[in-house]
């Protein structure tokens, strides 16, 4: 089921989201200061390409000062707009029954876009 969901996701916009995050990550990695933010964009791009069958979780490092500081910088310099974009599309897609699975993926992306530092992507069990 995850394969079918990912194929439909890619066809109807997931590929463009992937390219947008990939481009943003490449632009941010041009400067030394932007490399940590660019790496988070790469994380978002992979998750935006194949969101079905995967989720995010805390890395287990707790609330380290570095992660908190980097998440604040991330939010100030664009993360809040990315989060609000995924929130908007998640709500719009959840209006129809057929769009609910895709809206849920936007909510997962929203959670990662809000605090990408200290989170990792993992594959869900296929039981």
C-alpha atoms as a PDB file:
ATOM      1  CA  UNK A   1       0.000   0.000   0.000  1.00  0.00           C
ATOM      2  CA  UNK A   2       2.898   2.340   0.759  1.00  0.00           C
ATOM      3  CA  UNK A   3       4.285   1.809  -2.751  1.00  0.00           C
ATOM      4  CA  UNK A   4       0.986   2.792  -4.376  1.00  0.00           C
ATOM      5  CA  UNK A   5       0.630   5.803  -2.089  1.00  0.00           C
ATOM      6  CA  UNK A   6       4.178   6.956  -2.902  1.00  0.00           C
ATOM      7  CA  UNK A   7       3.605   6.577  -6.650  1.00  0.00           C
ATOM      8  CA  UNK A   8       0.411   8.654  -6.503  1.00  0.00           C
ATOM      9  CA  UNK A   9       2.165  11.169  -4.207  1.00  0.00           C
ATOM     10  CA  UNK A  10       5.063  11.579  -6.661  1.00  0.00           C
ATOM     11  CA  UNK A  11       2.774  12.001  -9.665  1.00  0.00           C
ATOM     12  CA  UNK A  12       0.575  14.633  -8.011  1.00  0.00           C
ATOM     13  CA  UNK A  13       3.213  16.965  -6.596  1.00  0.00           C
ATOM     14  CA  UNK A  14       5.614  15.033  -4.394  1.00  0.00           C
ATOM     15  CA  UNK A  15       8.328  15.178  -7.036  1.00  0.00           C
ATOM     16  CA  UNK A  16       8.101  18.967  -7.185  1.00  0.00           C
ATOM     17  CA  UNK A  17       8.288  19.212  -3.398  1.00  0.00           C
ATOM     18  CA  UNK A  18      11.355  16.956  -3.528  1.00  0.00           C
ATOM     19  CA  UNK A  19      12.989  19.181  -6.144  1.00  0.00           C
ATOM     20  CA  UNK A  20      12.175  22.321  -4.156  1.00  0.00           C
ATOM     21  CA  UNK A  21      13.751  20.999  -0.967  1.00  0.00           C
ATOM     22  CA  UNK A  22      16.711  19.630  -2.925  1.00  0.00           C
ATOM     23  CA  UNK A  23      17.293  22.992  -4.609  1.00  0.00           C
ATOM     24  CA  UNK A  24      16.965  24.817  -1.297  1.00  0.00           C
ATOM     25  CA  UNK A  25      19.477  22.452   0.288  1.00  0.00           C
ATOM     26  CA  UNK A  26      21.958  22.972  -2.539  1.00  0.00           C
ATOM     27  CA  UNK A  27      21.651  26.758  -2.295  1.00  0.00           C
ATOM     28  CA  UNK A  28      22.085  26.702   1.483  1.00  0.00           C
ATOM     29  CA  UNK A  29      25.141  24.438   1.241  1.00  0.00           C
ATOM     30  CA  UNK A  30      26.965  27.022  -0.895  1.00  0.00           C
ATOM     31  CA  UNK A  31      27.852  28.927   2.253  1.00  0.00           C
ATOM     32  CA  UNK A  32      29.563  27.374   5.255  1.00  0.00           C
ATOM     33  CA  UNK A  33      27.023  28.912   7.626  1.00  0.00           C
ATOM     34  CA  UNK A  34      24.112  27.446   5.656  1.00  0.00           C
ATOM     35  CA  UNK A  35      25.391  23.847   5.575  1.00  0.00           C
ATOM     36  CA  UNK A  36      23.489  22.657   8.696  1.00  0.00           C
ATOM     37  CA  UNK A  37      20.259  24.140   7.312  1.00  0.00           C
ATOM     38  CA  UNK A  38      20.972  22.677   3.870  1.00  0.00           C
ATOM     39  CA  UNK A  39      21.408  19.208   5.347  1.00  0.00           C
ATOM     40  CA  UNK A  40      17.979  19.515   6.964  1.00  0.00           C
ATOM     41  CA  UNK A  41      16.540  20.480   3.567  1.00  0.00           C
ATOM     42  CA  UNK A  42      18.033  17.280   2.148  1.00  0.00           C
ATOM     43  CA  UNK A  43      16.343  15.339   4.957  1.00  0.00           C
ATOM     44  CA  UNK A  44      13.043  17.036   4.099  1.00  0.00           C
ATOM     45  CA  UNK A  45      13.540  16.317   0.393  1.00  0.00           C
ATOM     46  CA  UNK A  46      13.923  12.574   0.948  1.00  0.00           C
ATOM     47  CA  UNK A  47      10.909  12.522   3.237  1.00  0.00           C
ATOM     48  CA  UNK A  48       8.879  14.596   0.760  1.00  0.00           C
ATOM     49  CA  UNK A  49       9.720  12.164  -2.040  1.00  0.00           C
ATOM     50  CA  UNK A  50       8.586   8.991  -0.240  1.00  0.00           C
ATOM     51  CA  UNK A  51       6.443   9.846   2.806  1.00  0.00           C
ATOM     52  CA  UNK A  52       4.269   6.711   2.799  1.00  0.00           C
ATOM     53  CA  UNK A  53       5.772   3.910   4.857  1.00  0.00           C
ATOM     54  CA  UNK A  54       8.108   6.171   6.825  1.00  0.00           C
ATOM     55  CA  UNK A  55       7.887   8.531   9.768  1.00  0.00           C
ATOM     56  CA  UNK A  56      10.115  10.683  11.952  1.00  0.00           C
ATOM     57  CA  UNK A  57      11.232  10.274  15.549  1.00  0.00           C
ATOM     58  CA  UNK A  58      13.519  11.987  18.009  1.00  0.00           C
ATOM     59  CA  UNK A  59      17.139  10.930  17.744  1.00  0.00           C
ATOM     60  CA  UNK A  60      17.292  10.376  21.471  1.00  0.00           C
ATOM     61  CA  UNK A  61      19.782  13.152  22.141  1.00  0.00           C
ATOM     62  CA  UNK A  62      17.133  14.989  24.124  1.00  0.00           C
ATOM     63  CA  UNK A  63      16.788  18.736  24.095  1.00  0.00           C
ATOM     64  CA  UNK A  64      20.405  19.576  23.575  1.00  0.00           C
ATOM     65  CA  UNK A  65      21.168  23.267  23.460  1.00  0.00           C
ATOM     66  CA  UNK A  66      22.593  22.990  19.960  1.00  0.00           C
ATOM     67  CA  UNK A  67      19.424  21.382  18.538  1.00  0.00           C
ATOM     68  CA  UNK A  68      17.191  23.950  20.224  1.00  0.00           C
ATOM     69  CA  UNK A  69      19.295  26.852  18.939  1.00  0.00           C
ATOM     70  CA  UNK A  70      19.437  25.464  15.403  1.00  0.00           C
ATOM     71  CA  UNK A  71      15.674  24.805  15.395  1.00  0.00           C
ATOM     72  CA  UNK A  72      15.049  28.420  16.435  1.00  0.00           C
ATOM     73  CA  UNK A  73      17.324  29.672  13.641  1.00  0.00           C
ATOM     74  CA  UNK A  74      15.559  27.302  11.235  1.00  0.00           C
ATOM     75  CA  UNK A  75      12.132  28.662  12.215  1.00  0.00           C
ATOM     76  CA  UNK A  76      13.196  32.297  11.947  1.00  0.00           C
ATOM     77  CA  UNK A  77      14.756  31.884   8.511  1.00  0.00           C
ATOM     78  CA  UNK A  78      11.950  30.047   6.729  1.00  0.00           C
ATOM     79  CA  UNK A  79      10.944  26.959   8.682  1.00  0.00           C
ATOM     80  CA  UNK A  80       7.746  28.569   9.921  1.00  0.00           C
ATOM     81  CA  UNK A  81       6.617  29.213   6.329  1.00  0.00           C
ATOM     82  CA  UNK A  82       7.401  25.636   5.308  1.00  0.00           C
ATOM     83  CA  UNK A  83       5.443  24.361   8.302  1.00  0.00           C
ATOM     84  CA  UNK A  84       2.467  26.618   7.543  1.00  0.00           C
ATOM     85  CA  UNK A  85       2.529  25.513   3.893  1.00  0.00           C
ATOM     86  CA  UNK A  86       2.275  21.839   4.896  1.00  0.00           C
ATOM     87  CA  UNK A  87      -0.423  22.680   7.448  1.00  0.00           C
ATOM     88  CA  UNK A  88      -2.467  24.473   4.779  1.00  0.00           C
ATOM     89  CA  UNK A  89      -2.191  21.614   2.251  1.00  0.00           C
ATOM     90  CA  UNK A  90      -2.882  19.019   4.939  1.00  0.00           C
ATOM     91  CA  UNK A  91      -6.129  20.759   5.914  1.00  0.00           C
ATOM     92  CA  UNK A  92      -7.175  21.259   2.271  1.00  0.00           C
ATOM     93  CA  UNK A  93      -6.521  17.614   1.398  1.00  0.00           C
ATOM     94  CA  UNK A  94      -8.390  16.345   4.461  1.00  0.00           C
ATOM     95  CA  UNK A  95     -11.588  18.000   3.244  1.00  0.00           C
ATOM     96  CA  UNK A  96     -12.248  15.064   0.921  1.00  0.00           C
ATOM     97  CA  UNK A  97     -12.176  11.422   1.948  1.00  0.00           C
ATOM     98  CA  UNK A  98      -9.812  10.442  -0.840  1.00  0.00           C
ATOM     99  CA  UNK A  99      -7.381  13.189   0.171  1.00  0.00           C
ATOM    100  CA  UNK A 100      -7.090  12.201   3.849  1.00  0.00           C
ATOM    101  CA  UNK A 101      -4.076   9.880   3.405  1.00  0.00           C
ATOM    102  CA  UNK A 102      -2.236  12.634   1.534  1.00  0.00           C
ATOM    103  CA  UNK A 103      -3.221  15.241   4.108  1.00  0.00           C
ATOM    104  CA  UNK A 104      -1.776  12.998   6.824  1.00  0.00           C
ATOM    105  CA  UNK A 105       1.521  12.926   4.928  1.00  0.00           C
ATOM    106  CA  UNK A 106       1.560  16.720   4.871  1.00  0.00           C
ATOM    107  CA  UNK A 107       1.030  16.721   8.634  1.00  0.00           C
ATOM    108  CA  UNK A 108       4.041  14.400   9.000  1.00  0.00           C
ATOM    109  CA  UNK A 109       6.079  16.748   6.813  1.00  0.00           C
ATOM    110  CA  UNK A 110       4.845  19.664   8.893  1.00  0.00           C
ATOM    111  CA  UNK A 111       6.139  18.058  12.077  1.00  0.00           C
ATOM    112  CA  UNK A 112       9.577  17.551  10.497  1.00  0.00           C
ATOM    113  CA  UNK A 113       9.589  21.053   9.002  1.00  0.00           C
ATOM    114  CA  UNK A 114       8.843  22.568  12.418  1.00  0.00           C
ATOM    115  CA  UNK A 115      11.821  21.002  14.228  1.00  0.00           C
ATOM    116  CA  UNK A 116      14.145  19.156  11.816  1.00  0.00           C
ATOM    117  CA  UNK A 117      17.185  19.208  14.107  1.00  0.00           C
ATOM    118  CA  UNK A 118      17.175  16.262  16.488  1.00  0.00           C
ATOM    119  CA  UNK A 119      14.783  14.184  14.342  1.00  0.00           C
ATOM    120  CA  UNK A 120      15.480  11.270  12.049  1.00  0.00           C
ATOM    121  CA  UNK A 121      13.489   9.461   9.368  1.00  0.00           C
ATOM    122  CA  UNK A 122      12.787   5.780   9.854  1.00  0.00           C
ATOM    123  CA  UNK A 123      10.888   3.151   7.912  1.00  0.00           C
ATOM    124  CA  UNK A 124       7.680   1.867   9.469  1.00  0.00           C
ATOM    125  CA  UNK A 125       7.297  -1.861  10.119  1.00  0.00           C
ATOM    126  CA  UNK A 126       5.761  -3.800   7.259  1.00  0.00           C
ATOM    127  CA  UNK A 127       3.782  -6.212   9.421  1.00  0.00           C
END
